[in-house]
Amino acid sequence: MVEKLAVIKAIDEVIRVDSKIRPEELDYMEQLADVLDFDSDHILEAREVEASEAVAVLKAMPKDKQQSLVRLMTEAANADGEVDEKEIRFIYRMFSAAGIEPEI
């Protein structure tokens, strides 16, 4: 559950970082909730997780899960059709802090 909360926190932060939550981003989060089996209570719980704790959990994840996170965070940033510079900066900071190297 700790890993799931860290992933939810990372994706939620991407969506919220530009201070504009668009309907398409909410739709993306709902679809993700169905796939990863979480609900709005999990999102609220994830928001309470300290950033440093989430980063430590993401850093410890296996490489294949880290690469899945790369895709999910990128999809979240692009969910509304506009990738904001704040979203890009947040994603790269998160990858750097967690030692994740995106495979292109």
Protein backbone atom coordinates (compact mmCIF):
# COMPACT_ATOMS: atom_id res chain seq x y z
CA MET A 1 0.00 0.00 0.00
CA VAL A 2 2.90 2.36 0.71
CA GLU A 3 4.12 1.97 -2.87
CA LYS A 4 0.65 2.61 -4.27
CA LEU A 5 0.30 5.78 -2.17
CA ALA A 6 3.70 7.03 -3.39
CA VAL A 7 2.67 6.46 -7.02
CA ILE A 8 -0.70 8.14 -6.48
CA LYS A 9 1.03 11.09 -4.79
CA ALA A 10 3.47 11.52 -7.69
CA ILE A 11 0.72 11.47 -10.30
CA ASP A 12 -1.59 13.70 -8.27
CA GLU A 13 1.23 16.22 -7.85
CA VAL A 14 1.78 16.32 -11.62
CA ILE A 15 -1.87 17.15 -12.12
CA ARG A 16 -1.95 19.77 -9.36
CA VAL A 17 1.44 21.45 -9.90
CA ASP A 18 0.19 24.00 -12.44
CA SER A 19 -2.74 25.00 -10.17
CA LYS A 20 -5.20 24.15 -12.95
CA ILE A 21 -7.12 20.90 -12.69
CA ARG A 22 -8.97 20.31 -15.92
CA PRO A 23 -11.80 17.81 -16.53
CA GLU A 24 -9.53 15.69 -18.74
CA GLU A 25 -7.07 15.35 -15.87
CA LEU A 26 -9.85 14.22 -13.56
CA ASP A 27 -10.93 11.71 -16.19
CA TYR A 28 -7.37 10.41 -16.38
CA MET A 29 -7.22 10.01 -12.60
CA GLU A 30 -10.56 8.15 -12.61
CA GLN A 31 -9.33 5.76 -15.31
CA LEU A 32 -6.12 5.21 -13.38
CA ALA A 33 -8.11 4.57 -10.21
CA ASP A 34 -9.97 1.79 -12.00
CA VAL A 35 -6.77 0.21 -13.29
CA LEU A 36 -4.74 0.54 -10.07
CA ASP A 37 -7.73 -0.06 -7.78
CA PHE A 38 -7.83 3.08 -5.64
CA ASP A 39 -10.43 5.68 -4.73
CA SER A 40 -10.62 9.30 -3.65
CA ASP A 41 -9.80 8.36 -0.05
CA HIS A 42 -6.47 6.96 -1.27
CA ILE A 43 -5.76 10.23 -3.08
CA LEU A 44 -6.39 12.20 0.12
CA GLU A 45 -4.22 9.76 2.06
CA ALA A 46 -1.46 10.07 -0.56
CA ARG A 47 -1.52 13.86 -0.23
CA GLU A 48 -0.59 13.41 3.44
CA VAL A 49 2.53 11.38 2.60
CA GLU A 50 5.71 13.40 3.02
CA ALA A 51 7.49 14.08 -0.27
CA SER A 52 10.74 12.63 1.04
CA GLU A 53 8.98 9.41 2.05
CA ALA A 54 7.33 9.09 -1.37
CA VAL A 55 10.66 9.66 -3.12
CA ALA A 56 12.33 6.99 -0.98
CA VAL A 57 9.60 4.50 -1.87
CA LEU A 58 9.78 5.33 -5.59
CA LYS A 59 13.57 5.01 -5.48
CA ALA A 60 13.27 1.50 -4.01
CA MET A 61 10.80 0.28 -6.64
CA PRO A 62 12.01 -2.21 -9.25
CA LYS A 63 13.12 -0.65 -12.53
CA ASP A 64 10.09 -1.96 -14.46
CA LYS A 65 7.73 -0.25 -12.02
CA GLN A 66 9.78 2.94 -12.22
CA GLN A 67 9.42 2.90 -16.00
CA SER A 68 5.66 2.40 -15.61
CA LEU A 69 5.65 5.44 -13.34
CA VAL A 70 7.49 7.41 -16.04
CA ARG A 71 4.69 6.59 -18.48
CA LEU A 72 1.94 7.37 -15.97
CA MET A 73 3.41 10.73 -14.98
CA THR A 74 3.94 11.67 -18.62
CA GLU A 75 0.37 10.67 -19.48
CA ALA A 76 -0.93 12.67 -16.51
CA ALA A 77 0.96 15.78 -17.68
CA ASN A 78 -0.50 15.39 -21.15
CA ALA A 79 -4.03 14.42 -20.04
CA ASP A 80 -5.45 17.87 -20.77
CA GLY A 81 -3.61 18.22 -24.07
CA GLU A 82 -1.31 20.91 -22.65
CA VAL A 83 1.95 20.09 -20.92
CA ASP A 84 2.78 23.00 -18.65
CA GLU A 85 6.41 23.88 -17.93
CA LYS A 86 5.72 23.42 -14.20
CA GLU A 87 4.61 19.85 -14.91
CA ILE A 88 7.80 19.12 -16.85
CA ARG A 89 10.00 20.59 -14.12
CA PHE A 90 8.18 18.64 -11.41
CA ILE A 91 8.50 15.37 -13.32
CA TYR A 92 12.23 15.83 -13.89
CA ARG A 93 12.79 16.82 -10.25
CA MET A 94 10.92 13.72 -9.12
CA PHE A 95 12.88 11.46 -11.49
CA SER A 96 16.16 13.00 -10.37
CA ALA A 97 15.34 12.71 -6.66
CA ALA A 98 14.21 9.09 -7.05
CA GLY A 99 17.12 8.14 -9.29
CA ILE A 100 14.81 7.21 -12.16
CA GLU A 101 16.26 7.31 -15.65
CA PRO A 102 13.48 7.30 -18.26
CA GLU A 103 14.01 4.82 -21.08
CA ILE A 104 13.20 6.44 -24.38
